[in-house]
Protein backbone atom coordinates (compact mmCIF):
# COMPACT_ATOMS: atom_id res chain seq x y z
CA MET A 1 19.07 -12.47 -17.42
CA LYS A 2 21.22 -14.53 -19.70
CA GLU A 3 25.07 -14.27 -19.31
CA VAL A 4 26.89 -14.07 -22.56
CA ARG A 5 30.79 -14.41 -22.65
CA VAL A 6 32.69 -12.66 -25.19
CA GLY A 7 36.46 -12.17 -25.85
CA PHE A 8 39.45 -14.72 -25.89
CA GLY A 9 42.30 -15.22 -23.54
CA ALA A 10 43.12 -13.35 -20.41
CA GLY A 11 41.17 -10.26 -21.49
CA PHE A 12 37.80 -11.99 -21.81
CA LYS A 13 34.99 -10.53 -19.64
CA PRO A 14 31.53 -11.90 -19.06
CA VAL A 15 28.69 -9.58 -20.37
CA VAL A 16 25.23 -9.57 -19.18
CA GLU A 17 22.61 -9.36 -21.95
CA LYS A 18 19.54 -7.54 -20.73
CA LYS A 19 16.35 -8.65 -22.75
CA LEU A 20 13.61 -5.97 -22.83
CA THR A 21 10.31 -7.89 -23.13
CA THR A 22 7.10 -6.38 -24.53
CA LYS A 23 5.79 -6.42 -20.90
CA LYS A 24 8.74 -4.50 -19.53
CA ARG A 25 8.88 -2.10 -22.48
CA LYS A 26 5.05 -1.16 -22.01
CA ALA A 27 5.88 -0.76 -18.08
CA LEU A 28 8.39 1.82 -18.86
CA LYS A 29 7.64 5.51 -18.30
CA LYS A 30 7.82 7.88 -21.23
CA GLY A 31 10.87 9.54 -19.78
CA SER A 32 12.82 6.22 -20.29
CA PHE A 33 12.55 6.77 -24.14
CA ALA A 34 14.92 9.25 -26.15
CA VAL A 35 11.66 9.98 -28.31
CA PRO A 36 8.84 9.96 -25.59
CA SER A 37 5.90 11.09 -27.91
CA GLU A 38 6.42 7.82 -30.02
CA ARG A 39 7.85 5.63 -27.28
CA LYS A 40 10.88 5.05 -29.48
CA TYR A 41 14.48 4.21 -28.54
CA PRO A 42 14.35 3.09 -24.85
CA ILE A 43 17.08 4.44 -22.83
CA HIS A 44 16.47 3.13 -19.44
CA ASP A 45 19.67 1.62 -19.00
CA ILE A 46 23.25 2.35 -20.38
CA SER A 47 23.23 -0.69 -22.69
CA HIS A 48 20.00 0.49 -24.25
CA ALA A 49 21.19 3.96 -24.56
CA ARG A 50 24.22 2.93 -26.66
CA ASN A 51 22.05 0.62 -28.69
CA ALA A 52 19.57 3.51 -29.23
CA LEU A 53 22.65 5.70 -30.67
CA SER A 54 23.57 2.99 -32.84
CA ARG A 55 20.00 2.41 -34.13
CA VAL A 56 19.21 6.07 -34.70
CA ALA A 57 22.59 6.64 -36.54
CA ALA A 58 21.59 3.69 -38.95
CA ASN A 59 17.90 4.40 -39.35
CA GLY A 60 16.74 7.62 -37.81
CA THR A 61 15.84 10.98 -39.51
CA PRO A 62 18.20 14.12 -38.72
CA ALA A 63 15.80 15.26 -36.30
CA GLU A 64 15.67 11.90 -34.56
CA LYS A 65 19.37 11.75 -34.37
CA LYS A 66 19.72 15.08 -32.76
CA GLN A 67 16.88 14.15 -30.25
CA VAL A 68 18.36 10.79 -29.32
CA ARG A 69 21.93 12.23 -28.91
CA ALA A 70 20.67 15.03 -26.70
CA ALA A 71 18.39 12.66 -24.43
CA VAL A 72 21.25 10.07 -24.33
CA LYS A 73 23.79 12.90 -23.37
CA ALA A 74 21.62 14.34 -20.54
CA LYS A 75 20.88 10.99 -18.98
CA TYR A 76 24.36 9.38 -19.32
CA PRO A 77 26.92 12.10 -19.68
CA SER A 78 29.81 9.52 -19.68
CA ILE A 79 28.80 7.88 -23.01
CA GLY A 80 30.89 9.29 -25.77
CA LYS A 81 33.76 10.55 -23.64
CA GLU A 82 36.95 8.53 -24.01
CA SER A 83 38.36 6.99 -20.82
CA LYS A 84 41.90 7.85 -19.86
């Protein structure tokens, strides 16, 4: 894993960038994808789940958007909720 530092000043936090290689993607179970029939939008971890939501919002069909949102919500219910 590669550590990437983002932000400035006292509020800066290190962020770990996770690279999903072709080999690792092929090793994922079908349940690790938001659209398992096509093995699209991997959601095996929370960062990829957030990325799947972003990608489907920009490029997905209405049916894919609904399916990805439901899969992410089921696996990571905390995504989309504001923290207090």
